[in-house]
Protein backbone atom coordinates (compact mmCIF):
# COMPACT_ATOMS: atom_id res chain seq x y z
CA UNK A 1 76.57 69.99 112.76
CA UNK A 2 74.20 72.76 111.72
CA UNK A 3 72.82 73.50 108.27
CA UNK A 4 75.50 76.04 107.44
CA UNK A 5 78.33 73.69 108.37
CA UNK A 6 77.19 71.04 105.90
CA UNK A 7 77.60 73.42 102.97
CA UNK A 8 80.90 74.96 103.91
CA UNK A 9 83.92 74.47 101.67
CA UNK A 10 87.38 73.87 103.15
CA UNK A 11 89.82 75.05 100.46
CA UNK A 12 93.30 73.74 99.84
CA UNK A 13 96.14 75.41 101.72
CA UNK A 14 97.47 78.68 100.36
CA UNK A 15 101.18 79.03 99.58
CA UNK A 16 103.28 80.29 102.47
CA UNK A 17 105.03 83.50 101.51
CA UNK A 18 108.52 82.82 100.18
CA UNK A 19 110.78 85.53 101.62
CA UNK A 20 113.56 84.45 99.28
CA UNK A 21 111.59 86.13 96.49
CA UNK A 22 111.37 89.45 98.31
CA UNK A 23 113.89 92.29 98.42
CA UNK A 24 115.53 93.15 101.73
CA UNK A 25 116.39 96.79 101.04
CA UNK A 26 113.70 97.85 98.58
CA UNK A 27 110.04 97.43 97.77
CA UNK A 28 108.70 94.22 96.34
CA UNK A 29 110.29 91.29 94.58
CA UNK A 30 114.02 90.72 94.51
CA UNK A 31 113.99 90.02 90.76
CA UNK A 32 112.15 93.26 89.98
CA UNK A 33 114.02 96.55 89.96
CA UNK A 34 114.51 99.51 87.68
CA UNK A 35 117.93 99.64 86.06
CA UNK A 36 119.72 102.44 84.24
CA UNK A 37 120.89 101.23 80.83
CA UNK A 38 124.02 102.40 79.04
CA UNK A 39 121.96 104.37 76.52
CA UNK A 40 120.27 106.37 79.27
CA UNK A 41 117.00 104.46 79.13
CA UNK A 42 115.48 102.67 82.11
CA UNK A 43 114.14 99.12 82.23
CA UNK A 44 112.23 97.17 84.87
CA UNK A 45 113.72 93.72 85.32
CA UNK A 46 111.78 90.50 85.78
CA UNK A 47 108.54 89.40 84.14
CA UNK A 48 105.92 90.21 86.78
CA UNK A 49 104.40 93.47 85.52
CA UNK A 50 103.23 95.08 82.32
CA UNK A 51 106.25 97.41 82.53
CA UNK A 52 108.72 94.53 82.94
CA UNK A 53 111.29 94.22 80.19
CA UNK A 54 110.29 97.43 78.43
CA UNK A 55 112.95 100.01 77.59
CA UNK A 56 111.76 103.42 78.77
CA UNK A 57 113.80 106.18 77.08
CA UNK A 58 111.77 109.15 78.35
CA UNK A 59 111.60 108.57 82.11
CA UNK A 60 114.95 109.90 83.29
CA UNK A 61 115.17 112.84 80.85
CA UNK A 62 111.72 113.94 82.02
CA UNK A 63 112.54 113.59 85.73
CA UNK A 64 115.85 115.36 85.15
CA UNK A 65 114.01 118.26 83.57
CA UNK A 66 111.24 118.44 86.18
CA UNK A 67 113.64 118.26 89.14
CA UNK A 68 116.73 119.85 87.53
CA UNK A 69 118.79 116.76 88.35
CA UNK A 70 121.67 115.38 86.33
CA UNK A 71 121.19 111.67 86.98
CA UNK A 72 124.52 110.58 85.61
CA UNK A 73 126.37 113.04 87.84
CA UNK A 74 124.20 112.29 90.86
CA UNK A 75 124.53 108.51 91.04
CA UNK A 76 125.55 107.38 94.51
CA UNK A 77 127.50 104.12 94.77
CA UNK A 78 125.51 101.60 96.80
CA UNK A 79 127.04 100.70 100.11
CA UNK A 80 127.60 97.02 100.80
CA UNK A 81 124.52 95.19 102.01
CA UNK A 82 123.73 94.28 104.70
CA UNK A 83 124.73 97.09 107.03
CA UNK A 84 125.86 96.35 110.58
CA UNK A 85 123.11 94.32 112.26
CA UNK A 86 122.66 94.36 116.04
CA UNK A 87 123.18 91.08 117.86
CA UNK A 88 120.17 89.35 119.37
CA UNK A 89 119.64 90.04 123.06
CA UNK A 90 117.55 86.92 123.63
CA UNK A 91 119.06 84.70 126.32
CA UNK A 92 119.54 80.97 125.87
CA UNK A 93 116.96 80.30 128.58
CA UNK A 94 114.47 82.61 126.87
CA UNK A 95 114.96 80.88 123.52
CA UNK A 96 114.78 77.40 125.01
CA UNK A 97 111.40 78.12 126.55
CA UNK A 98 110.13 79.90 123.42
CA UNK A 99 110.99 76.89 121.24
CA UNK A 100 108.77 74.65 123.35
CA UNK A 101 105.72 76.60 122.17
CA UNK A 102 106.12 76.40 118.38
CA UNK A 103 107.47 73.96 115.80
CA UNK A 104 111.22 73.32 115.67
CA UNK A 105 111.62 75.40 112.50
CA UNK A 106 109.38 78.23 113.70
CA UNK A 107 111.94 80.48 115.38
CA UNK A 108 115.01 82.16 113.96
CA UNK A 109 117.84 84.42 115.04
CA UNK A 110 118.99 84.94 111.46
CA UNK A 111 120.37 88.48 111.21
CA UNK A 112 118.82 89.33 107.82
CA UNK A 113 115.44 87.98 108.86
CA UNK A 114 115.51 90.01 112.07
CA UNK A 115 116.55 93.11 110.14
CA UNK A 116 113.65 92.73 107.71
CA UNK A 117 111.23 92.38 110.62
CA UNK A 118 112.56 95.57 112.18
CA UNK A 119 111.38 98.02 109.55
CA UNK A 120 108.57 98.91 107.19
CA UNK A 121 108.80 100.87 103.97
CA UNK A 122 109.03 104.54 104.86
CA UNK A 123 111.72 106.37 102.93
CA UNK A 124 113.55 106.92 106.23
CA UNK A 125 113.67 103.19 106.97
CA UNK A 126 114.82 102.12 103.51
CA UNK A 127 117.47 104.86 103.53
CA UNK A 128 118.69 103.60 106.91
CA UNK A 129 118.82 99.98 105.75
CA UNK A 130 120.92 101.05 102.76
CA UNK A 131 123.25 103.28 104.73
CA UNK A 132 123.88 103.44 108.46
CA UNK A 133 121.70 100.48 109.43
CA UNK A 134 119.11 100.22 112.21
CA UNK A 135 120.23 100.40 115.83
CA UNK A 136 117.52 98.21 117.38
CA UNK A 137 115.64 95.34 115.75
CA UNK A 138 113.72 92.28 116.99
CA UNK A 139 115.83 89.80 118.92
CA UNK A 140 114.02 86.76 117.57
CA UNK A 141 111.39 86.03 114.93
CA UNK A 142 108.73 83.42 115.60
CA UNK A 143 106.19 81.89 113.19
CA UNK A 144 103.06 80.62 114.98
CA UNK A 145 100.76 78.23 113.13
CA UNK A 146 97.61 78.37 115.25
CA UNK A 147 95.61 80.61 117.55
CA UNK A 148 96.54 78.27 120.40
CA UNK A 149 100.24 78.92 119.78
CA UNK A 150 99.61 82.68 119.75
CA UNK A 151 97.82 82.38 123.10
CA UNK A 152 100.81 80.53 124.50
CA UNK A 153 103.18 83.17 123.10
CA UNK A 154 101.24 85.92 124.84
CA UNK A 155 101.35 84.04 128.14
CA UNK A 156 105.08 83.47 127.61
CA UNK A 157 105.67 87.19 126.95
CA UNK A 158 103.78 88.14 130.09
CA UNK A 159 105.85 85.73 132.16
CA UNK A 160 109.19 86.89 130.70
CA UNK A 161 108.33 90.61 130.32
CA UNK A 162 108.96 90.48 126.58
CA UNK A 163 107.47 92.53 123.74
CA UNK A 164 105.44 90.95 120.94
CA UNK A 165 105.32 92.80 117.62
CA UNK A 166 102.86 91.43 115.07
CA UNK A 167 104.29 91.24 111.55
CA UNK A 168 102.24 90.73 108.39
CA UNK A 169 103.77 91.82 105.10
CA UNK A 170 105.95 94.58 106.54
CA UNK A 171 104.57 97.04 103.97
CA UNK A 172 103.56 99.82 106.37
CA UNK A 173 104.73 103.40 105.74
CA UNK A 174 104.00 104.80 109.20
CA UNK A 175 107.10 103.69 111.10
CA UNK A 176 105.05 101.09 112.96
CA UNK A 177 107.78 98.45 113.25
CA UNK A 178 110.63 100.66 114.41
CA UNK A 179 112.08 99.50 117.73
CA UNK A 180 113.16 102.05 120.31
CA UNK A 181 116.93 102.37 120.71
CA UNK A 182 116.42 102.43 124.47
CA UNK A 183 114.25 99.30 124.71
CA UNK A 184 115.92 96.79 127.02
CA UNK A 185 113.25 94.08 126.99
CA UNK A 186 113.51 91.17 124.56
CA UNK A 187 111.60 91.95 121.37
CA UNK A 188 109.84 89.07 119.61
CA UNK A 189 108.56 89.61 116.07
CA UNK A 190 105.48 87.43 115.57
CA UNK A 191 105.36 86.71 111.85
CA UNK A 192 101.80 85.61 111.08
CA UNK A 193 102.28 84.41 107.52
CA UNK A 194 102.20 80.69 108.35
CA UNK A 195 98.70 81.30 109.71
CA UNK A 196 97.33 81.88 106.23
CA UNK A 197 94.58 79.31 105.74
CA UNK A 198 91.12 79.92 104.40
CA UNK A 199 89.45 77.89 107.15
CA UNK A 200 86.11 77.74 105.38
CA UNK A 201 84.00 79.33 102.68
CA UNK A 202 80.24 79.47 103.13
CA UNK A 203 78.94 79.78 99.55
CA UNK A 204 75.30 80.13 100.57
CA UNK A 205 75.90 83.07 102.92
CA UNK A 206 78.90 84.36 100.93
CA UNK A 207 81.28 84.51 103.87
CA UNK A 208 84.68 83.08 104.68
CA UNK A 209 86.80 82.54 107.77
CA UNK A 210 90.42 83.36 107.05
CA UNK A 211 93.55 83.41 109.18
CA UNK A 212 95.23 86.78 109.65
CA UNK A 213 98.49 85.92 107.90
CA UNK A 214 96.93 85.31 104.47
CA UNK A 215 98.78 87.45 101.90
CA UNK A 216 96.54 89.40 99.54
CA UNK A 217 97.59 87.93 96.22
CA UNK A 218 97.46 84.35 97.51
CA UNK A 219 94.12 84.98 99.16
CA UNK A 220 92.64 86.39 95.96
CA UNK A 221 93.75 83.29 94.02
CA UNK A 222 92.46 80.89 96.68
CA UNK A 223 89.01 82.50 96.80
CA UNK A 224 88.80 82.74 93.01
CA UNK A 225 89.25 78.96 92.73
CA UNK A 226 85.82 78.68 94.35
CA UNK A 227 84.22 81.53 92.41
CA UNK A 228 84.53 84.29 95.04
CA UNK A 229 86.44 87.46 95.83
CA UNK A 230 86.80 89.80 98.78
CA UNK A 231 87.43 92.56 96.29
CA UNK A 232 89.83 94.19 98.74
CA UNK A 233 92.95 95.29 96.89
CA UNK A 234 95.12 97.89 98.61
CA UNK A 235 98.06 99.11 96.52
CA UNK A 236 100.17 96.75 98.66
CA UNK A 237 97.92 93.71 98.33
CA UNK A 238 100.63 91.63 96.63
CA UNK A 239 102.49 91.54 99.97
CA UNK A 240 100.21 92.78 102.77
CA UNK A 241 98.00 90.50 104.85
CA UNK A 242 94.41 90.31 106.06
CA UNK A 243 95.52 90.97 109.64
CA UNK A 244 97.45 94.01 108.50
CA UNK A 245 94.42 95.34 106.65
CA UNK A 246 92.33 95.11 109.79
CA UNK A 247 95.02 96.53 112.07
CA UNK A 248 95.54 99.57 109.84
CA UNK A 249 91.87 100.15 108.90
CA UNK A 250 92.76 99.65 105.25
CA UNK A 251 91.09 100.71 102.04
CA UNK A 252 91.34 99.06 98.63
CA UNK A 253 91.49 100.22 95.04
CA UNK A 254 88.04 98.74 94.32
CA UNK A 255 86.31 100.00 97.44
CA UNK A 256 83.51 101.64 95.40
CA UNK A 257 82.12 98.18 94.70
CA UNK A 258 83.31 96.08 97.61
CA UNK A 259 83.76 98.59 100.43
CA UNK A 260 86.63 99.28 102.81
CA UNK A 261 87.81 96.72 105.34
CA UNK A 262 85.19 97.86 107.89
CA UNK A 263 82.46 97.08 105.35
CA UNK A 264 83.81 93.57 104.76
CA UNK A 265 84.52 92.52 108.32
CA UNK A 266 81.89 90.42 110.14
CA UNK A 267 84.04 89.10 112.96
CA UNK A 268 87.63 89.21 114.14
CA UNK A 269 89.60 87.25 116.74
CA UNK A 270 92.44 88.85 118.67
CA UNK A 271 94.61 87.43 121.42
CA UNK A 272 95.13 89.94 124.22
CA UNK A 273 96.86 89.66 127.58
CA UNK A 274 93.42 88.76 128.99
CA UNK A 275 92.89 85.95 126.49
CA UNK A 276 91.10 85.42 123.20
CA UNK A 277 88.53 88.02 122.20
CA UNK A 278 85.85 86.36 120.04
CA UNK A 279 82.12 85.79 119.84
CA UNK A 280 79.47 83.66 118.14
CA UNK A 281 77.37 83.37 116.04
CA UNK A 282 78.37 85.26 112.90
CA UNK A 283 75.39 87.28 111.74
CA UNK A 284 74.85 90.17 109.28
CA UNK A 285 74.55 92.81 112.01
CA UNK A 286 73.98 93.00 115.73
CA UNK A 287 73.69 95.47 118.61
CA UNK A 288 75.74 94.12 121.51
CA UNK A 289 76.84 97.31 123.20
CA UNK A 290 80.48 98.31 122.75
CA UNK A 291 81.70 96.21 119.82
CA UNK A 292 85.31 94.93 120.03
CA UNK A 293 85.55 94.93 116.23
CA UNK A 294 85.44 98.72 116.24
CA UNK A 295 88.49 99.19 118.41
CA UNK A 296 90.44 96.31 116.87
CA UNK A 297 90.22 97.97 113.46
CA UNK A 298 93.02 100.52 113.29
CA UNK A 299 94.59 99.29 116.53
CA UNK A 300 97.96 98.86 114.75
CA UNK A 301 99.05 95.95 116.94
CA UNK A 302 98.73 97.87 120.21
CA UNK A 303 96.02 95.74 121.82
CA UNK A 304 96.96 92.20 120.84
CA UNK A 305 97.57 89.89 117.91
CA UNK A 306 94.82 89.36 115.35
CA UNK A 307 94.57 85.67 114.43
CA UNK A 308 91.56 85.30 112.13
CA UNK A 309 88.50 87.03 110.74
CA UNK A 310 85.19 86.30 109.08
CA UNK A 311 84.65 88.44 105.99
CA UNK A 312 82.00 89.00 103.36
CA UNK A 313 82.54 87.61 99.87
CA UNK A 314 81.14 88.45 96.47
CA UNK A 315 80.91 86.20 93.41
CA UNK A 316 83.62 86.83 90.85
CA UNK A 317 82.43 89.58 88.51
CA UNK A 318 80.83 88.51 85.27
CA UNK A 319 82.81 91.11 83.39
CA UNK A 320 85.76 93.41 84.03
CA UNK A 321 86.50 96.38 81.79
CA UNK A 322 88.88 99.33 81.90
CA UNK A 323 88.57 102.85 80.57
CA UNK A 324 90.45 106.16 80.68
CA UNK A 325 89.26 109.73 80.23
CA UNK A 326 91.37 112.82 79.63
CA UNK A 327 90.16 116.19 80.90
CA UNK A 328 91.52 119.64 80.07
CA UNK A 329 91.94 120.63 83.71
CA UNK A 330 92.00 119.01 87.13
CA UNK A 331 88.95 121.07 88.06
CA UNK A 332 86.95 119.43 85.27
CA UNK A 333 87.94 116.02 86.56
CA UNK A 334 86.91 116.85 90.13
CA UNK A 335 83.51 118.11 88.95
CA UNK A 336 83.06 114.92 86.93
CA UNK A 337 83.84 112.81 90.02
CA UNK A 338 81.43 114.78 92.18
CA UNK A 339 78.55 114.30 89.78
CA UNK A 340 79.46 110.65 89.32
CA UNK A 341 79.06 109.99 93.06
CA UNK A 342 75.58 111.51 92.92
CA UNK A 343 74.40 109.02 90.30
CA UNK A 344 75.01 105.94 92.47
CA UNK A 345 76.57 104.25 89.42
CA UNK A 346 80.23 104.41 90.36
CA UNK A 347 82.74 102.00 88.79
CA UNK A 348 84.70 99.70 91.09
CA UNK A 349 87.78 101.92 90.84
CA UNK A 350 88.04 105.57 89.78
CA UNK A 351 91.30 107.51 90.00
CA UNK A 352 92.02 111.05 88.88
CA UNK A 353 95.68 112.07 88.51
CA UNK A 354 96.95 115.63 88.21
CA UNK A 355 99.00 116.91 85.30
CA UNK A 356 102.37 116.05 86.83
CA UNK A 357 101.35 112.44 87.38
CA UNK A 358 99.78 112.29 83.95
CA UNK A 359 103.07 113.42 82.42
CA UNK A 360 104.93 110.80 84.45
CA UNK A 361 102.64 108.09 83.11
CA UNK A 362 103.48 109.14 79.57
CA UNK A 363 107.18 108.59 80.23
CA UNK A 364 106.52 104.99 81.30
CA UNK A 365 106.05 103.91 77.72
CA UNK A 366 108.59 102.22 75.47
CA UNK A 367 110.06 104.05 72.52
CA UNK A 368 108.02 103.75 69.33
CA UNK A 369 109.06 103.45 65.71
CA UNK A 370 107.30 103.18 62.38
CA UNK A 371 103.53 102.83 62.52
CA UNK A 372 103.43 102.96 66.34
CA UNK A 373 105.34 106.25 66.35
CA UNK A 374 103.03 107.72 63.73
CA UNK A 375 100.00 106.63 65.76
CA UNK A 376 101.32 108.39 68.86
CA UNK A 377 101.98 111.60 66.94
CA UNK A 378 98.50 111.50 65.46
CA UNK A 379 96.90 110.95 68.88
CA UNK A 380 98.89 113.84 70.33
CA UNK A 381 97.94 116.09 67.41
CA UNK A 382 94.26 115.25 67.80
CA UNK A 383 94.27 115.94 71.53
CA UNK A 384 96.45 119.06 71.62
CA UNK A 385 95.66 120.72 68.30
CA UNK A 386 92.18 119.60 67.35
CA UNK A 387 90.70 119.28 70.87
CA UNK A 388 92.79 122.10 72.31
CA UNK A 389 94.18 120.28 75.35
CA UNK A 390 97.24 121.94 76.96
CA UNK A 391 99.91 119.26 77.70
CA UNK A 392 100.85 121.20 80.85
CA UNK A 393 97.30 121.19 82.27
CA UNK A 394 95.53 118.07 81.03
CA UNK A 395 94.77 115.27 83.49
CA UNK A 396 93.63 111.67 83.29
CA UNK A 397 91.01 109.56 85.02
CA UNK A 398 91.34 105.77 84.96
CA UNK A 399 88.32 103.56 85.62
CA UNK A 400 87.73 99.89 86.31
CA UNK A 401 84.22 98.48 85.86
CA UNK A 402 83.28 95.19 87.54
CA UNK A 403 79.99 93.39 87.91
CA UNK A 404 77.36 91.80 85.74
CA UNK A 405 77.01 93.01 82.17
CA UNK A 406 73.93 95.11 82.84
CA UNK A 407 75.58 96.88 85.78
CA UNK A 408 78.72 97.64 83.82
CA UNK A 409 76.79 98.83 80.76
CA UNK A 410 74.75 101.20 82.94
CA UNK A 411 77.86 102.56 84.64
CA UNK A 412 79.62 103.03 81.31
CA UNK A 413 76.67 104.95 79.89
CA UNK A 414 76.65 107.22 82.95
CA UNK A 415 80.40 107.81 82.74
CA UNK A 416 80.17 108.60 79.04
CA UNK A 417 77.40 111.15 79.58
CA UNK A 418 79.13 112.94 82.45
CA UNK A 419 82.55 112.89 80.82
CA UNK A 420 81.11 114.57 77.74
CA UNK A 421 79.45 117.18 79.95
CA UNK A 422 82.89 118.20 81.29
CA UNK A 423 84.74 118.02 77.99
CA UNK A 424 86.36 114.66 78.68
CA UNK A 425 87.83 112.58 75.87
CA UNK A 426 87.91 108.80 76.20
CA UNK A 427 91.41 107.38 75.90
CA UNK A 428 90.32 103.74 75.66
CA UNK A 429 90.42 100.49 77.58
CA UNK A 430 94.09 99.82 76.86
CA UNK A 431 95.22 103.08 78.46
CA UNK A 432 92.83 102.49 81.35
CA UNK A 433 94.29 99.04 82.00
CA UNK A 434 97.85 100.38 81.81
CA UNK A 435 96.98 103.16 84.22
CA UNK A 436 95.46 100.71 86.70
CA UNK A 437 98.40 98.29 86.53
CA UNK A 438 100.87 101.16 86.78
CA UNK A 439 100.12 101.26 90.50
CA UNK A 440 102.11 98.08 91.02
CA UNK A 441 105.08 98.82 88.77
CA UNK A 442 105.50 102.44 89.82
CA UNK A 443 106.08 101.42 93.44
CA UNK A 444 109.60 100.36 92.44
CA UNK A 445 110.61 103.80 91.14
CA UNK A 446 111.09 105.36 94.57
CA UNK A 447 113.84 102.98 95.65
CA UNK A 448 115.48 103.20 92.22
CA UNK A 449 115.84 106.99 92.29
CA UNK A 450 117.20 106.84 95.84
CA UNK A 451 120.43 105.68 94.21
CA UNK A 452 120.59 109.08 92.49
CA UNK A 453 120.10 111.18 95.59
CA UNK A 454 116.33 111.49 95.38
CA UNK A 455 114.22 110.83 98.45
CA UNK A 456 110.54 110.23 97.71
CA UNK A 457 107.47 109.11 99.60
CA UNK A 458 103.70 108.98 99.35
CA UNK A 459 101.24 110.29 101.93
CA UNK A 460 97.45 110.38 101.97
CA UNK A 461 94.44 112.04 103.49
CA UNK A 462 90.69 112.27 103.11
CA UNK A 463 88.87 115.55 102.71
CA UNK A 464 85.40 116.93 102.00
CA UNK A 465 84.29 117.89 98.51
CA UNK A 466 84.19 121.48 99.74
CA UNK A 467 87.90 121.50 100.62
CA UNK A 468 89.51 119.09 98.17
CA UNK A 469 90.64 121.71 95.63
CA UNK A 470 92.05 124.14 98.18
CA UNK A 471 93.74 121.36 100.16
CA UNK A 472 95.67 120.10 97.14
CA UNK A 473 96.66 123.65 96.15
CA UNK A 474 97.69 124.58 99.70
CA UNK A 475 99.78 121.47 100.28
CA UNK A 476 101.65 121.86 97.00
CA UNK A 477 102.39 125.53 97.71
CA UNK A 478 103.46 124.81 101.30
CA UNK A 479 105.92 122.21 100.07
CA UNK A 480 107.35 124.63 97.51
CA UNK A 481 107.80 127.27 100.21
CA UNK A 482 109.41 124.89 102.69
CA UNK A 483 111.66 123.43 100.01
CA UNK A 484 112.95 126.92 99.19
CA UNK A 485 113.82 127.51 102.85
CA UNK A 486 115.90 124.32 103.04
CA UNK A 487 118.16 125.32 100.18
CA UNK A 488 118.09 121.89 98.55
CA UNK A 489 119.19 121.65 94.90
CA UNK A 490 116.85 121.63 91.93
CA UNK A 491 113.09 121.56 92.28
CA UNK A 492 110.76 119.25 94.22
CA UNK A 493 108.55 116.69 92.52
CA UNK A 494 105.02 117.14 93.87
CA UNK A 495 101.96 115.41 92.53
CA UNK A 496 98.51 114.36 93.73
CA UNK A 497 95.72 112.05 92.70
CA UNK A 498 92.22 111.36 93.94
CA UNK A 499 91.92 107.65 94.64
CA UNK A 500 88.66 107.02 96.53
CA UNK A 501 85.20 108.53 96.25
CA UNK A 502 82.66 109.04 99.03
CA UNK A 503 79.35 110.86 99.20
CA UNK A 504 80.93 113.50 101.42
CA UNK A 505 84.43 113.71 99.96
CA UNK A 506 87.48 111.94 98.57
CA UNK A 507 90.80 110.38 99.46
CA UNK A 508 93.85 112.19 98.12
CA UNK A 509 97.24 110.59 97.58
CA UNK A 510 100.33 112.81 97.34
CA UNK A 511 103.82 111.98 96.13
CA UNK A 512 106.82 114.09 97.12
CA UNK A 513 110.33 113.73 95.79
CA UNK A 514 113.40 115.90 96.49
CA UNK A 515 117.04 115.73 95.46
CA UNK A 516 119.16 116.00 98.59
CA UNK A 517 122.45 116.70 96.83
CA UNK A 518 125.30 117.04 99.32
CA UNK A 519 123.17 118.09 102.29
CA UNK A 520 124.63 116.66 105.48
CA UNK A 521 121.38 115.26 106.91
CA UNK A 522 119.11 114.33 103.99
CA UNK A 523 116.55 112.32 105.97
CA UNK A 524 116.11 115.12 108.48
CA UNK A 525 115.54 117.56 105.63
CA UNK A 526 112.93 115.28 104.09
CA UNK A 527 111.21 114.92 107.46
CA UNK A 528 110.85 118.70 107.65
CA UNK A 529 108.95 118.65 104.36
CA UNK A 530 106.82 115.68 105.30
CA UNK A 531 105.87 117.29 108.62
CA UNK A 532 105.02 120.56 106.88
CA UNK A 533 102.80 118.73 104.40
CA UNK A 534 100.88 116.99 107.19
CA UNK A 535 100.53 120.28 109.06
CA UNK A 536 99.08 121.91 105.96
CA UNK A 537 96.73 118.98 105.35
CA UNK A 538 95.25 119.41 108.81
CA UNK A 539 95.01 123.19 108.44
CA UNK A 540 93.20 122.68 105.12
CA UNK A 541 90.54 120.36 106.51
CA UNK A 542 92.10 116.99 105.72
CA UNK A 543 92.29 113.90 107.92
CA UNK A 544 95.41 112.70 109.70
CA UNK A 545 95.20 109.51 107.64
CA UNK A 546 92.84 107.80 105.24
CA UNK A 547 94.26 104.28 105.24
CA UNK A 548 97.98 104.30 106.07
CA UNK A 549 97.32 104.71 109.79
CA UNK A 550 99.22 106.66 112.44
CA UNK A 551 102.14 104.60 113.75
CA UNK A 552 105.04 106.57 115.18
CA UNK A 553 105.26 108.77 112.11
CA UNK A 554 102.07 110.72 112.75
CA UNK A 555 101.29 110.22 116.43
CA UNK A 556 102.51 113.72 117.42
CA UNK A 557 99.61 115.10 115.37
CA UNK A 558 96.97 113.15 117.30
CA UNK A 559 96.24 115.96 119.80
CA UNK A 560 95.21 118.11 116.84
CA UNK A 561 92.52 115.68 115.70
CA UNK A 562 91.40 114.08 118.98
CA UNK A 563 90.18 115.92 122.05
CA UNK A 564 91.91 115.32 125.41
CA UNK A 565 89.00 113.08 126.42
CA UNK A 566 89.29 111.07 123.21
CA UNK A 567 93.05 110.60 123.72
CA UNK A 568 92.46 109.55 127.31
CA UNK A 569 89.83 107.07 126.15
CA UNK A 570 92.26 105.55 123.61
CA UNK A 571 95.09 105.35 126.13
CA UNK A 572 92.68 103.90 128.67
CA UNK A 573 91.79 101.04 126.37
CA UNK A 574 95.48 100.30 125.87
CA UNK A 575 96.08 100.28 129.61
CA UNK A 576 93.03 98.10 130.24
CA UNK A 577 93.73 95.42 127.63
CA UNK A 578 97.53 95.53 127.79
CA UNK A 579 98.62 96.70 131.27
CA UNK A 580 102.10 95.21 130.83
CA UNK A 581 102.56 96.84 127.41
CA UNK A 582 103.32 93.50 125.80
CA UNK A 583 102.18 94.49 122.31
CA UNK A 584 103.87 96.83 119.89
CA UNK A 585 107.15 98.63 120.27
CA UNK A 586 106.95 101.81 122.32
CA UNK A 587 109.32 104.65 121.55
CA UNK A 588 110.37 106.30 124.78
């Protein structure tokens, strides 16, 4: 045993994800959903979020006004759940052999479980689950508990000409899990969430070896018990997994401090049709020629099944503080962000929302009476009358500071100076914290408004500082133009926010919502808009993706961002490491 081994910590087991808590036909937890109350207000059920249990009287009137939608008249009765679910095509002989590889309770043909493993969270997929159903889903779900079992599963798939589809949290929004209607081979969904152990923590070197199925929220708790954090928190981190983060080349809300997944990853193991890809020792950096880590990141399950990784850790921050700043115009906020990146003193998380999203955030507040109501009126009067902010132009920036007290104090002083330079007004820690936490609660709105004929989705890109303003303007205008051509009722909901900062540019997150009314093919109409938005993003200098990935949703755009030689190189790797096409569902 070497010196490092003697100091390693082996933590207690993490909880295995309880699917009974999770919704089948919507985002998130089963006990958490927005509900329309008799008085016209909206409330988020459950007790998991800051929004939970609050009565929100302004949300629906505001959305109705923005989109010209009468919610009461537009409510669509929910169809019975579940929809028709395809029968499993796995033969008895196939299943008998499969069950010799894993534990007796580690395979299932349960229809609802197979359905959940056959889709992610695009608006198209959730709409299908709630309406016509999905024509092709995995035939069996298997839950391996070790790398050895995964290796045996791969050998089994090769022998039986089956398809293995890695499943983490199922949170993807790129159509990655959709099975081809024409696929005749047996499809096995490999759910990794029983492989969720923190195998060791090395406190001296601040590293950890973690299995790929560890779910973000459980992983954060398990590391915190020993004084550490990865600091990697995608918007989906409550449900997504370490393996999923690596496979999609993920980014987190606090990447300014902790980095993206590529900055955190020291080593990764993946089982391919040729065997286990791994190496030793684990060192800070090395030059070994072509590095497998680089093509495993973002591989989206095409090359094999990721089983574990070694990642960098940081001590838990000494202090954590929130803040919010209001600017008169989006342009002022962008200039503030640009100068902030040049100081090198960037808070862990910085997000700038446009006016539409700022207005939405104001509707996600409970009604106020008495002193609270007077306080709100006074704050509004000070901002709009005394400071001269236009409610239809003002924007908000939310910030999260993490680190030791000196670091945070220095960052706060820098933020204060630059905000003042661009006319920003501090809105306080409470509003900053609410804005940060809103990310988690707001995810439930999309599936709620689907019941009223509204289809909504997010999409992202990264873009240079030079092009960020024009890209946002161009995409919004393109969507307005395309919406007009479709003849859909009302007006579209279009909003954008800047979520990540880089020296050379930013990541931009869009939200699009449309009311489909009585249109015969609502999903097809939405797809027209989504495709137009991506086309305009590319024309305006944006990337195909920042962190969502490509999947089947965006793959037709690949020839516009990769040269023929680059595409051939990517396809060549696939053919070399997976000649039988065992991994990932292929849409023919």
